[in-house]
């Protein structure tokens, strides 16, 4: 697991869980199993570690976390906050207090490779139905099927 710094009004961190596997190095592909075993027993490192980001959790943070840790875009599952959704809420003030606006997600829509993006921590100013309706209207098709709302 990896821990990374997030941007909030108090010290805060996020987490990234990795799947770690050892894969046979390409130069040993095609060799018989006995030969690979002999190489390994003689001290030759025949595998390499392959790490895949599985789960990322940002907690409360401003969008700069995505700029500092682009691996977040590749985690299979991303859980992040989305405190504000309406245009009447000003992003500069939201960011100052360590939160995100829907526009922050939309500006980065092409970068999200995540299979599932869970958005949570909506402001209590919004009714849950308002959140669902507004997201349905504003999310691009490339994100709609992958965004899940936790209210």
Foldseek 3Di string as FASTA:
>chain_A
DDWAWFAAPDTDIKDWDKDKDWDFPPVCPPPDPVVVVVCVVVPHDGTDIDIFTAEIEGEQAELCVCVVPVSLLRHQEYEYEAAEEDPVDDNVVQRNRGHYYVVSCVVCVVSRPHQAYEYENYHPVDDPVRVVVRCVVPPDPSCVVRYDYDD
